[in-house]
């Protein structure tokens, strides 16, 4: 007879099971936020359907790989954009800090 530890019971209570359907295939997934899991599954399903429509492919493994590549591409483009934006903010912050140092330096000389 298997027994569960208190930590396992708490973890199981926090992770609820949700049934999703991706490209007409049902999956039971566990997570702390069922609505989020449903949203992710819907997104993956829509990507697979878009690839199927664009390529006229019915091989589900091929569709899954192509959809995964499309999702990975989106992810990396967003990361690149985010990293670029962070670099821009760092440059602006550095310029503002230098300008502030100049103003404070001039005030110290005058004062």
PDB file of N, CA and C in Angstrom:
ATOM      1  N   UNK A   1       0.845  -1.185   0.000  1.00  0.00           N
ATOM      2  CA  UNK A   1       0.000   0.000   0.000  1.00  0.00           C
ATOM      3  C   UNK A   1       0.884   1.239   0.000  1.00  0.00           C
ATOM      4  N   UNK A   2       0.684   2.110  -0.967  1.00  0.00           N
ATOM      5  CA  UNK A   2       1.473   3.335  -1.073  1.00  0.00           C
ATOM      6  C   UNK A   2       0.881   4.403  -0.170  1.00  0.00           C
ATOM      7  N   UNK A   3       1.761   5.153   0.438  1.00  0.00           N
ATOM      8  CA  UNK A   3       1.309   6.256   1.274  1.00  0.00           C
ATOM      9  C   UNK A   3       1.895   7.552   0.749  1.00  0.00           C
ATOM     10  N   UNK A   4       1.189   8.623   0.963  1.00  0.00           N
ATOM     11  CA  UNK A   4       1.638   9.939   0.507  1.00  0.00           C
ATOM     12  C   UNK A   4       2.090  10.758   1.703  1.00  0.00           C
ATOM     13  N   UNK A   5       3.152  11.504   1.510  1.00  0.00           N
ATOM     14  CA  UNK A   5       3.610  12.392   2.569  1.00  0.00           C
ATOM     15  C   UNK A   5       2.718  13.627   2.594  1.00  0.00           C
ATOM     16  N   UNK A   6       2.817  14.373   3.676  1.00  0.00           N
ATOM     17  CA  UNK A   6       2.028  15.598   3.817  1.00  0.00           C
ATOM     18  C   UNK A   6       2.361  16.574   2.691  1.00  0.00           C
ATOM     19  N   UNK A   7       3.646  16.694   2.328  1.00  0.00           N
ATOM     20  CA  UNK A   7       4.050  17.594   1.248  1.00  0.00           C
ATOM     21  C   UNK A   7       3.434  17.180  -0.080  1.00  0.00           C
ATOM     22  N   UNK A   8       3.373  15.876  -0.349  1.00  0.00           N
ATOM     23  CA  UNK A   8       2.777  15.393  -1.598  1.00  0.00           C
ATOM     24  C   UNK A   8       1.285  15.694  -1.644  1.00  0.00           C
ATOM     25  N   UNK A   9       0.619  15.535  -0.513  1.00  0.00           N
ATOM     26  CA  UNK A   9      -0.818  15.811  -0.453  1.00  0.00           C
ATOM     27  C   UNK A   9      -1.076  17.287  -0.715  1.00  0.00           C
ATOM     28  N   UNK A  10      -0.283  18.166  -0.106  1.00  0.00           N
ATOM     29  CA  UNK A  10      -0.438  19.605  -0.322  1.00  0.00           C
ATOM     30  C   UNK A  10      -0.170  19.945  -1.783  1.00  0.00           C
ATOM     31  N   UNK A  11       0.881  19.363  -2.352  1.00  0.00           N
ATOM     32  CA  UNK A  11       1.214  19.629  -3.748  1.00  0.00           C
ATOM     33  C   UNK A  11       0.075  19.178  -4.658  1.00  0.00           C
ATOM     34  N   UNK A  12      -0.488  17.997  -4.401  1.00  0.00           N
ATOM     35  CA  UNK A  12      -1.593  17.497  -5.212  1.00  0.00           C
ATOM     36  C   UNK A  12      -2.818  18.394  -5.083  1.00  0.00           C
ATOM     37  N   UNK A  13      -3.052  18.942  -3.910  1.00  0.00           N
ATOM     38  CA  UNK A  13      -4.192  19.826  -3.716  1.00  0.00           C
ATOM     39  C   UNK A  13      -4.013  21.128  -4.489  1.00  0.00           C
ATOM     40  N   UNK A  14      -2.762  21.563  -4.668  1.00  0.00           N
ATOM     41  CA  UNK A  14      -2.493  22.804  -5.385  1.00  0.00           C
ATOM     42  C   UNK A  14      -2.513  22.603  -6.896  1.00  0.00           C
ATOM     43  N   UNK A  15      -2.272  21.406  -7.377  1.00  0.00           N
ATOM     44  CA  UNK A  15      -2.253  21.109  -8.805  1.00  0.00           C
ATOM     45  C   UNK A  15      -3.508  20.341  -9.177  1.00  0.00           C
ATOM     46  N   UNK A  16      -4.391  21.002  -9.892  1.00  0.00           N
ATOM     47  CA  UNK A  16      -5.607  20.316 -10.309  1.00  0.00           C
ATOM     48  C   UNK A  16      -5.457  19.817 -11.740  1.00  0.00           C
ATOM     49  N   UNK A  17      -6.172  18.767 -12.041  1.00  0.00           N
ATOM     50  CA  UNK A  17      -6.121  18.157 -13.366  1.00  0.00           C
ATOM     51  C   UNK A  17      -7.147  18.830 -14.269  1.00  0.00           C
ATOM     52  N   UNK A  18      -6.755  19.046 -15.510  1.00  0.00           N
ATOM     53  CA  UNK A  18      -7.669  19.635 -16.485  1.00  0.00           C
ATOM     54  C   UNK A  18      -7.532  18.856 -17.791  1.00  0.00           C
ATOM     55  N   UNK A  19      -8.654  18.590 -18.408  1.00  0.00           N
ATOM     56  CA  UNK A  19      -8.669  17.857 -19.686  1.00  0.00           C
ATOM     57  C   UNK A  19      -8.678  18.889 -20.810  1.00  0.00           C
ATOM     58  N   UNK A  20      -7.722  18.764 -21.714  1.00  0.00           N
ATOM     59  CA  UNK A  20      -7.630  19.678 -22.853  1.00  0.00           C
ATOM     60  C   UNK A  20      -7.632  18.865 -24.139  1.00  0.00           C
ATOM     61  N   UNK A  21      -7.930  19.536 -25.227  1.00  0.00           N
ATOM     62  CA  UNK A  21      -7.888  18.891 -26.527  1.00  0.00           C
ATOM     63  C   UNK A  21      -7.019  19.736 -27.449  1.00  0.00           C
ATOM     64  N   UNK A  22      -5.988  19.101 -27.982  1.00  0.00           N
ATOM     65  CA  UNK A  22      -5.074  19.763 -28.908  1.00  0.00           C
ATOM     66  C   UNK A  22      -5.069  18.956 -30.201  1.00  0.00           C
ATOM     67  N   UNK A  23      -5.493  19.589 -31.261  1.00  0.00           N
ATOM     68  CA  UNK A  23      -5.567  18.964 -32.578  1.00  0.00           C
ATOM     69  C   UNK A  23      -6.293  17.622 -32.510  1.00  0.00           C
ATOM     70  N   UNK A  24      -7.478  17.679 -31.901  1.00  0.00           N
ATOM     71  CA  UNK A  24      -8.384  16.529 -31.783  1.00  0.00           C
ATOM     72  C   UNK A  24      -7.820  15.373 -30.954  1.00  0.00           C
ATOM     73  N   UNK A  25      -6.831  15.645 -30.135  1.00  0.00           N
ATOM     74  CA  UNK A  25      -6.258  14.638 -29.235  1.00  0.00           C
ATOM     75  C   UNK A  25      -6.449  15.133 -27.801  1.00  0.00           C
ATOM     76  N   UNK A  26      -7.035  14.306 -26.945  1.00  0.00           N
ATOM     77  CA  UNK A  26      -7.306  14.691 -25.560  1.00  0.00           C
ATOM     78  C   UNK A  26      -6.095  14.410 -24.674  1.00  0.00           C
ATOM     79  N   UNK A  27      -5.848  15.337 -23.745  1.00  0.00           N
ATOM     80  CA  UNK A  27      -4.754  15.203 -22.777  1.00  0.00           C
ATOM     81  C   UNK A  27      -5.275  15.612 -21.408  1.00  0.00           C
ATOM     82  N   UNK A  28      -4.837  14.911 -20.378  1.00  0.00           N
ATOM     83  CA  UNK A  28      -5.100  15.308 -18.999  1.00  0.00           C
ATOM     84  C   UNK A  28      -3.820  15.935 -18.467  1.00  0.00           C
ATOM     85  N   UNK A  29      -3.901  17.218 -18.135  1.00  0.00           N
ATOM     86  CA  UNK A  29      -2.730  17.955 -17.661  1.00  0.00           C
ATOM     87  C   UNK A  29      -2.971  18.440 -16.246  1.00  0.00           C
ATOM     88  N   UNK A  30      -1.883  18.605 -15.506  1.00  0.00           N
ATOM     89  CA  UNK A  30      -1.967  19.087 -14.129  1.00  0.00           C
ATOM     90  C   UNK A  30      -1.241  20.414 -14.019  1.00  0.00           C
ATOM     91  N   UNK A  31      -1.796  21.287 -13.193  1.00  0.00           N
ATOM     92  CA  UNK A  31      -1.155  22.566 -12.938  1.00  0.00           C
ATOM     93  C   UNK A  31      -1.930  23.335 -11.892  1.00  0.00           C
ATOM     94  N   UNK A  32      -1.331  24.408 -11.437  1.00  0.00           N
ATOM     95  CA  UNK A  32      -1.955  25.190 -10.374  1.00  0.00           C
ATOM     96  C   UNK A  32      -3.039  26.124 -10.900  1.00  0.00           C
ATOM     97  N   UNK A  33      -3.050  26.382 -12.221  1.00  0.00           N
ATOM     98  CA  UNK A  33      -4.024  27.307 -12.802  1.00  0.00           C
ATOM     99  C   UNK A  33      -4.678  26.669 -14.031  1.00  0.00           C
ATOM    100  N   UNK A  34      -5.805  26.001 -13.849  1.00  0.00           N
ATOM    101  CA  UNK A  34      -6.465  25.323 -14.967  1.00  0.00           C
ATOM    102  C   UNK A  34      -6.817  26.256 -16.125  1.00  0.00           C
ATOM    103  N   UNK A  35      -7.228  27.476 -15.825  1.00  0.00           N
ATOM    104  CA  UNK A  35      -7.563  28.422 -16.896  1.00  0.00           C
ATOM    105  C   UNK A  35      -6.347  28.731 -17.758  1.00  0.00           C
ATOM    106  N   UNK A  36      -5.204  28.859 -17.128  1.00  0.00           N
ATOM    107  CA  UNK A  36      -3.967  29.125 -17.864  1.00  0.00           C
ATOM    108  C   UNK A  36      -3.597  27.927 -18.738  1.00  0.00           C
ATOM    109  N   UNK A  37      -3.754  26.732 -18.203  1.00  0.00           N
ATOM    110  CA  UNK A  37      -3.476  25.517 -18.975  1.00  0.00           C
ATOM    111  C   UNK A  37      -4.387  25.457 -20.198  1.00  0.00           C
ATOM    112  N   UNK A  38      -5.667  25.767 -20.009  1.00  0.00           N
ATOM    113  CA  UNK A  38      -6.609  25.776 -21.130  1.00  0.00           C
ATOM    114  C   UNK A  38      -6.209  26.803 -22.182  1.00  0.00           C
ATOM    115  N   UNK A  39      -5.760  27.963 -21.723  1.00  0.00           N
ATOM    116  CA  UNK A  39      -5.332  29.013 -22.649  1.00  0.00           C
ATOM    117  C   UNK A  39      -4.112  28.565 -23.455  1.00  0.00           C
ATOM    118  N   UNK A  40      -3.154  27.942 -22.789  1.00  0.00           N
ATOM    119  CA  UNK A  40      -1.967  27.438 -23.488  1.00  0.00           C
ATOM    120  C   UNK A  40      -2.336  26.353 -24.492  1.00  0.00           C
ATOM    121  N   UNK A  41      -3.194  25.438 -24.076  1.00  0.00           N
ATOM    122  CA  UNK A  41      -3.613  24.355 -24.968  1.00  0.00           C
ATOM    123  C   UNK A  41      -4.344  24.911 -26.185  1.00  0.00           C
ATOM    124  N   UNK A  42      -5.180  25.908 -25.975  1.00  0.00           N
ATOM    125  CA  UNK A  42      -5.895  26.536 -27.083  1.00  0.00           C
ATOM    126  C   UNK A  42      -4.916  27.202 -28.048  1.00  0.00           C
ATOM    127  N   UNK A  43      -3.889  27.822 -27.498  1.00  0.00           N
ATOM    128  CA  UNK A  43      -2.875  28.480 -28.328  1.00  0.00           C
ATOM    129  C   UNK A  43      -2.119  27.454 -29.176  1.00  0.00           C
ATOM    130  N   UNK A  44      -1.695  26.369 -28.547  1.00  0.00           N
ATOM    131  CA  UNK A  44      -0.978  25.312 -29.277  1.00  0.00           C
ATOM    132  C   UNK A  44      -1.889  24.706 -30.345  1.00  0.00           C
ATOM    133  N   UNK A  45      -3.144  24.467 -29.996  1.00  0.00           N
ATOM    134  CA  UNK A  45      -4.099  23.924 -30.963  1.00  0.00           C
ATOM    135  C   UNK A  45      -4.248  24.860 -32.161  1.00  0.00           C
ATOM    136  N   UNK A  46      -4.362  26.155 -31.903  1.00  0.00           N
ATOM    137  CA  UNK A  46      -4.519  27.109 -33.010  1.00  0.00           C
ATOM    138  C   UNK A  46      -3.276  27.149 -33.889  1.00  0.00           C
ATOM    139  N   UNK A  47      -2.102  27.030 -33.288  1.00  0.00           N
ATOM    140  CA  UNK A  47      -0.858  27.009 -34.070  1.00  0.00           C
ATOM    141  C   UNK A  47      -0.784  25.754 -34.934  1.00  0.00           C
ATOM    142  N   UNK A  48      -1.159  24.618 -34.367  1.00  0.00           N
ATOM    143  CA  UNK A  48      -1.133  23.378 -35.150  1.00  0.00           C
ATOM    144  C   UNK A  48      -2.131  23.439 -36.301  1.00  0.00           C
ATOM    145  N   UNK A  49      -3.294  23.999 -36.053  1.00  0.00           N
ATOM    146  CA  UNK A  49      -4.300  24.110 -37.115  1.00  0.00           C
ATOM    147  C   UNK A  49      -3.840  25.075 -38.206  1.00  0.00           C
ATOM    148  N   UNK A  50      -3.185  26.157 -37.826  1.00  0.00           N
ATOM    149  CA  UNK A  50      -2.672  27.105 -38.816  1.00  0.00           C
ATOM    150  C   UNK A  50      -1.602  26.451 -39.688  1.00  0.00           C
ATOM    151  N   UNK A  51      -0.720  25.687 -39.071  1.00  0.00           N
ATOM    152  CA  UNK A  51       0.324  24.981 -39.828  1.00  0.00           C
ATOM    153  C   UNK A  51      -0.315  23.940 -40.743  1.00  0.00           C
ATOM    154  N   UNK A  52      -1.312  23.214 -40.242  1.00  0.00           N
ATOM    155  CA  UNK A  52      -1.985  22.194 -41.052  1.00  0.00           C
ATOM    156  C   UNK A  52      -2.639  22.825 -42.274  1.00  0.00           C
ATOM    157  N   UNK A  53      -3.261  23.972 -42.067  1.00  0.00           N
ATOM    158  CA  UNK A  53      -3.921  24.657 -43.174  1.00  0.00           C
ATOM    159  C   UNK A  53      -2.906  25.190 -44.184  1.00  0.00           C
ATOM    160  N   UNK A  54      -1.806  25.729 -43.688  1.00  0.00           N
ATOM    161  CA  UNK A  54      -0.797  26.322 -44.571  1.00  0.00           C
ATOM    162  C   UNK A  54      -0.003  25.278 -45.346  1.00  0.00           C
ATOM    163  N   UNK A  55       0.167  24.097 -44.761  1.00  0.00           N
ATOM    164  CA  UNK A  55       1.035  23.093 -45.387  1.00  0.00           C
ATOM    165  C   UNK A  55       0.282  21.906 -45.976  1.00  0.00           C
ATOM    166  N   UNK A  56      -1.003  21.816 -45.703  1.00  0.00           N
ATOM    167  CA  UNK A  56      -1.794  20.652 -46.137  1.00  0.00           C
ATOM    168  C   UNK A  56      -1.189  19.339 -45.638  1.00  0.00           C
ATOM    169  N   UNK A  57      -0.568  19.396 -44.473  1.00  0.00           N
ATOM    170  CA  UNK A  57       0.037  18.218 -43.855  1.00  0.00           C
ATOM    171  C   UNK A  57      -0.948  17.611 -42.864  1.00  0.00           C
ATOM    172  N   UNK A  58      -1.025  16.290 -42.839  1.00  0.00           N
ATOM    173  CA  UNK A  58      -1.888  15.628 -41.857  1.00  0.00           C
ATOM    174  C   UNK A  58      -1.087  14.839 -40.823  1.00  0.00           C
ATOM    175  N   UNK A  59       0.217  14.740 -41.020  1.00  0.00           N
ATOM    176  CA  UNK A  59       1.085  14.036 -40.069  1.00  0.00           C
ATOM    177  C   UNK A  59       1.166  14.871 -38.788  1.00  0.00           C
ATOM    178  N   UNK A  60       0.568  14.367 -37.709  1.00  0.00           N
ATOM    179  CA  UNK A  60       0.476  15.156 -36.479  1.00  0.00           C
ATOM    180  C   UNK A  60       1.831  15.418 -35.839  1.00  0.00           C
ATOM    181  N   UNK A  61       2.755  14.498 -35.965  1.00  0.00           N
ATOM    182  CA  UNK A  61       4.090  14.729 -35.397  1.00  0.00           C
ATOM    183  C   UNK A  61       4.766  15.879 -36.137  1.00  0.00           C
ATOM    184  N   UNK A  62       4.683  15.857 -37.451  1.00  0.00           N
ATOM    185  CA  UNK A  62       5.269  16.937 -38.253  1.00  0.00           C
ATOM    186  C   UNK A  62       4.597  18.277 -37.925  1.00  0.00           C
ATOM    187  N   UNK A  63       3.274  18.260 -37.800  1.00  0.00           N
ATOM    188  CA  UNK A  63       2.549  19.483 -37.445  1.00  0.00           C
ATOM    189  C   UNK A  63       2.979  20.002 -36.076  1.00  0.00           C
ATOM    190  N   UNK A  64       3.134  19.090 -35.122  1.00  0.00           N
ATOM    191  CA  UNK A  64       3.544  19.492 -33.776  1.00  0.00           C
ATOM    192  C   UNK A  64       4.937  20.115 -33.795  1.00  0.00           C
ATOM    193  N   UNK A  65       5.848  19.526 -34.566  1.00  0.00           N
ATOM    194  CA  UNK A  65       7.208  20.069 -34.646  1.00  0.00           C
ATOM    195  C   UNK A  65       7.194  21.435 -35.320  1.00  0.00           C
ATOM    196  N   UNK A  66       6.462  21.570 -36.418  1.00  0.00           N
ATOM    197  CA  UNK A  66       6.396  22.860 -37.110  1.00  0.00           C
ATOM    198  C   UNK A  66       5.728  23.923 -36.236  1.00  0.00           C
ATOM    199  N   UNK A  67       4.675  23.547 -35.519  1.00  0.00           N
ATOM    200  CA  UNK A  67       4.021  24.483 -34.604  1.00  0.00           C
ATOM    201  C   UNK A  67       4.976  24.883 -33.483  1.00  0.00           C
ATOM    202  N   UNK A  68       5.722  23.913 -32.961  1.00  0.00           N
ATOM    203  CA  UNK A  68       6.701  24.213 -31.905  1.00  0.00           C
ATOM    204  C   UNK A  68       7.773  25.168 -32.415  1.00  0.00           C
ATOM    205  N   UNK A  69       8.215  24.972 -33.648  1.00  0.00           N
ATOM    206  CA  UNK A  69       9.203  25.885 -34.231  1.00  0.00           C
ATOM    207  C   UNK A  69       8.632  27.290 -34.391  1.00  0.00           C
ATOM    208  N   UNK A  70       7.377  27.387 -34.816  1.00  0.00           N
ATOM    209  CA  UNK A  70       6.742  28.704 -34.933  1.00  0.00           C
ATOM    210  C   UNK A  70       6.624  29.386 -33.574  1.00  0.00           C
ATOM    211  N   UNK A  71       6.237  28.632 -32.564  1.00  0.00           N
ATOM    212  CA  UNK A  71       6.114  29.186 -31.213  1.00  0.00           C
ATOM    213  C   UNK A  71       7.489  29.598 -30.683  1.00  0.00           C
ATOM    214  N   UNK A  72       8.505  28.776 -30.933  1.00  0.00           N
ATOM    215  CA  UNK A  72       9.868  29.116 -30.505  1.00  0.00           C
ATOM    216  C   UNK A  72      10.348  30.378 -31.207  1.00  0.00           C
ATOM    217  N   UNK A  73      10.020  30.523 -32.484  1.00  0.00           N
ATOM    218  CA  UNK A  73      10.389  31.727 -33.230  1.00  0.00           C
ATOM    219  C   UNK A  73       9.734  32.962 -32.612  1.00  0.00           C
ATOM    220  N   UNK A  74       8.442  32.876 -32.309  1.00  0.00           N
ATOM    221  CA  UNK A  74       7.744  33.990 -31.655  1.00  0.00           C
ATOM    222  C   UNK A  74       8.414  34.342 -30.331  1.00  0.00           C
ATOM    223  N   UNK A  75       8.718  33.324 -29.561  1.00  0.00           N
ATOM    224  CA  UNK A  75       9.345  33.522 -28.255  1.00  0.00           C
ATOM    225  C   UNK A  75      10.684  34.250 -28.390  1.00  0.00           C
ATOM    226  N   UNK A  76      11.520  33.776 -29.310  1.00  0.00           N
ATOM    227  CA  UNK A  76      12.843  34.380 -29.459  1.00  0.00           C
ATOM    228  C   UNK A  76      12.767  35.792 -30.022  1.00  0.00           C
ATOM    229  N   UNK A  77      11.817  36.058 -30.907  1.00  0.00           N
ATOM    230  CA  UNK A  77      11.641  37.421 -31.407  1.00  0.00           C
ATOM    231  C   UNK A  77      11.210  38.360 -30.282  1.00  0.00           C
ATOM    232  N   UNK A  78      10.304  37.891 -29.424  1.00  0.00           N
ATOM    233  CA  UNK A  78       9.882  38.707 -28.280  1.00  0.00           C
ATOM    234  C   UNK A  78      11.024  38.934 -27.298  1.00  0.00           C
ATOM    235  N   UNK A  79      11.816  37.893 -27.046  1.00  0.00           N
ATOM    236  CA  UNK A  79      12.977  38.042 -26.155  1.00  0.00           C
ATOM    237  C   UNK A  79      13.968  39.047 -26.718  1.00  0.00           C
ATOM    238  N   UNK A  80      14.217  38.953 -28.032  1.00  0.00           N
ATOM    239  CA  UNK A  80      15.148  39.870 -28.680  1.00  0.00           C
ATOM    240  C   UNK A  80      14.639  41.305 -28.565  1.00  0.00           C
ATOM    241  N   UNK A  81      13.337  41.485 -28.792  1.00  0.00           N
ATOM    242  CA  UNK A  81      12.739  42.815 -28.680  1.00  0.00           C
ATOM    243  C   UNK A  81      12.834  43.325 -27.242  1.00  0.00           C
ATOM    244  N   UNK A  82      12.571  42.445 -26.282  1.00  0.00           N
ATOM    245  CA  UNK A  82      12.646  42.820 -24.874  1.00  0.00           C
ATOM    246  C   UNK A  82      14.078  43.180 -24.487  1.00  0.00           C
ATOM    247  N   UNK A  83      15.037  42.364 -24.912  1.00  0.00           N
ATOM    248  CA  UNK A  83      16.442  42.635 -24.606  1.00  0.00           C
ATOM    249  C   UNK A  83      16.888  43.944 -25.237  1.00  0.00           C
ATOM    250  N   UNK A  84      16.428  44.207 -26.457  1.00  0.00           N
ATOM    251  CA  UNK A  84      16.765  45.450 -27.147  1.00  0.00           C
ATOM    252  C   UNK A  84      16.179  46.641 -26.398  1.00  0.00           C
ATOM    253  N   UNK A  85      14.937  46.503 -25.946  1.00  0.00           N
ATOM    254  CA  UNK A  85      14.297  47.569 -25.181  1.00  0.00           C
ATOM    255  C   UNK A  85      15.014  47.825 -23.872  1.00  0.00           C
ATOM    256  N   UNK A  86      15.455  46.770 -23.214  1.00  0.00           N
ATOM    257  CA  UNK A  86      16.190  46.919 -21.955  1.00  0.00           C
ATOM    258  C   UNK A  86      17.501  47.643 -22.196  1.00  0.00           C
ATOM    259  N   UNK A  87      18.168  47.326 -23.307  1.00  0.00           N
ATOM    260  CA  UNK A  87      19.422  47.999 -23.645  1.00  0.00           C
ATOM    261  C   UNK A  87      19.177  49.479 -23.886  1.00  0.00           C
ATOM    262  N   UNK A  88      18.089  49.819 -24.578  1.00  0.00           N
ATOM    263  CA  UNK A  88      17.753  51.225 -24.817  1.00  0.00           C
ATOM    264  C   UNK A  88      17.529  51.961 -23.502  1.00  0.00           C
ATOM    265  N   UNK A  89      16.810  51.330 -22.575  1.00  0.00           N
ATOM    266  CA  UNK A  89      16.568  51.961 -21.276  1.00  0.00           C
ATOM    267  C   UNK A  89      17.869  52.123 -20.494  1.00  0.00           C
ATOM    268  N   UNK A  90      18.756  51.150 -20.600  1.00  0.00           N
ATOM    269  CA  UNK A  90      20.043  51.260 -19.910  1.00  0.00           C
ATOM    270  C   UNK A  90      20.854  52.422 -20.476  1.00  0.00           C
ATOM    271  N   UNK A  91      20.844  52.580 -21.791  1.00  0.00           N
ATOM    272  CA  UNK A  91      21.564  53.695 -22.416  1.00  0.00           C
ATOM    273  C   UNK A  91      20.979  55.026 -21.966  1.00  0.00           C
ATOM    274  N   UNK A  92      19.649  55.129 -21.968  1.00  0.00           N
ATOM    275  CA  UNK A  92      18.997  56.369 -21.537  1.00  0.00           C
ATOM    276  C   UNK A  92      19.308  56.671 -20.073  1.00  0.00           C
ATOM    277  N   UNK A  93      19.261  55.647 -19.244  1.00  0.00           N
ATOM    278  CA  UNK A  93      19.555  55.843 -17.823  1.00  0.00           C
ATOM    279  C   UNK A  93      20.991  56.315 -17.638  1.00  0.00           C
ATOM    280  N   UNK A  94      21.915  55.750 -18.404  1.00  0.00           N
ATOM    281  CA  UNK A  94      23.316  56.150 -18.322  1.00  0.00           C
ATOM    282  C   UNK A  94      23.485  57.607 -18.763  1.00  0.00           C
ATOM    283  N   UNK A  95      22.831  57.999 -19.856  1.00  0.00           N
ATOM    284  CA  UNK A  95      22.905  59.382 -20.330  1.00  0.00           C
ATOM    285  C   UNK A  95      22.320  60.346 -19.307  1.00  0.00           C
ATOM    286  N   UNK A  96      21.190  59.980 -18.710  1.00  0.00           N
ATOM    287  CA  UNK A  96      20.582  60.832 -17.691  1.00  0.00           C
ATOM    288  C   UNK A  96      21.466  60.935 -16.454  1.00  0.00           C
ATOM    289  N   UNK A  97      22.080  59.843 -16.063  1.00  0.00           N
ATOM    290  CA  UNK A  97      22.980  59.871 -14.906  1.00  0.00           C
ATOM    291  C   UNK A  97      24.176  60.767 -15.181  1.00  0.00           C
ATOM    292  N   UNK A  98      24.729  60.694 -16.388  1.00  0.00           N
ATOM    293  CA  UNK A  98      25.853  61.562 -16.750  1.00  0.00           C
ATOM    294  C   UNK A  98      25.438  63.021 -16.758  1.00  0.00           C
ATOM    295  N   UNK A  99      24.261  63.317 -17.307  1.00  0.00           N
ATOM    296  CA  UNK A  99      23.770  64.696 -17.335  1.00  0.00           C
ATOM    297  C   UNK A  99      23.560  65.207 -15.916  1.00  0.00           C
ATOM    298  N   UNK A 100      23.019  64.377 -15.058  1.00  0.00           N
ATOM    299  CA  UNK A 100      22.807  64.760 -13.664  1.00  0.00           C
ATOM    300  C   UNK A 100      24.138  65.005 -12.965  1.00  0.00           C
ATOM    301  N   UNK A 101      25.121  64.159 -13.219  1.00  0.00           N
ATOM    302  CA  UNK A 101      26.457  64.354 -12.645  1.00  0.00           C
ATOM    303  C   UNK A 101      27.054  65.681 -13.091  1.00  0.00           C
ATOM    304  N   UNK A 102      26.863  66.026 -14.368  1.00  0.00           N
ATOM    305  CA  UNK A 102      27.385  67.301 -14.875  1.00  0.00           C
ATOM    306  C   UNK A 102      26.724  68.472 -14.175  1.00  0.00           C
ATOM    307  N   UNK A 103      25.395  68.434 -14.048  1.00  0.00           N
ATOM    308  CA  UNK A 103      24.666  69.526 -13.402  1.00  0.00           C
ATOM    309  C   UNK A 103      25.089  69.647 -11.943  1.00  0.00           C
ATOM    310  N   UNK A 104      25.172  68.532 -11.248  1.00  0.00           N
ATOM    311  CA  UNK A 104      25.573  68.567  -9.840  1.00  0.00           C
ATOM    312  C   UNK A 104      27.017  69.027  -9.693  1.00  0.00           C
ATOM    313  N   UNK A 105      27.869  68.628 -10.620  1.00  0.00           N
ATOM    314  CA  UNK A 105      29.264  69.064 -10.594  1.00  0.00           C
ATOM    315  C   UNK A 105      29.387  70.564 -10.794  1.00  0.00           C
ATOM    316  N   UNK A 106      28.585  71.112 -11.706  1.00  0.00           N
ATOM    317  CA  UNK A 106      28.603  72.555 -11.950  1.00  0.00           C
ATOM    318  C   UNK A 106      28.078  73.307 -10.737  1.00  0.00           C
ATOM    319  N   UNK A 107      27.056  72.776 -10.068  1.00  0.00           N
ATOM    320  CA  UNK A 107      26.510  73.423  -8.878  1.00  0.00           C
ATOM    321  C   UNK A 107      27.534  73.417  -7.747  1.00  0.00           C
ATOM    322  N   UNK A 108      28.294  72.342  -7.633  1.00  0.00           N
ATOM    323  CA  UNK A 108      29.313  72.263  -6.579  1.00  0.00           C
ATOM    324  C   UNK A 108      30.407  73.300  -6.822  1.00  0.00           C
ATOM    325  N   UNK A 109      30.786  73.471  -8.094  1.00  0.00           N
ATOM    326  CA  UNK A 109      31.815  74.457  -8.434  1.00  0.00           C
ATOM    327  C   UNK A 109      31.320  75.870  -8.164  1.00  0.00           C
ATOM    328  N   UNK A 110      30.053  76.138  -8.483  1.00  0.00           N
ATOM    329  CA  UNK A 110      29.490  77.473  -8.303  1.00  0.00           C
ATOM    330  C   UNK A 110      29.210  77.755  -6.829  1.00  0.00           C
ATOM    331  N   UNK A 111      28.925  76.750  -6.064  1.00  0.00           N
ATOM    332  CA  UNK A 111      28.497  76.914  -4.671  1.00  0.00           C
ATOM    333  C   UNK A 111      29.612  76.911  -3.749  1.00  0.00           C
TER     334      UNK A 111
END
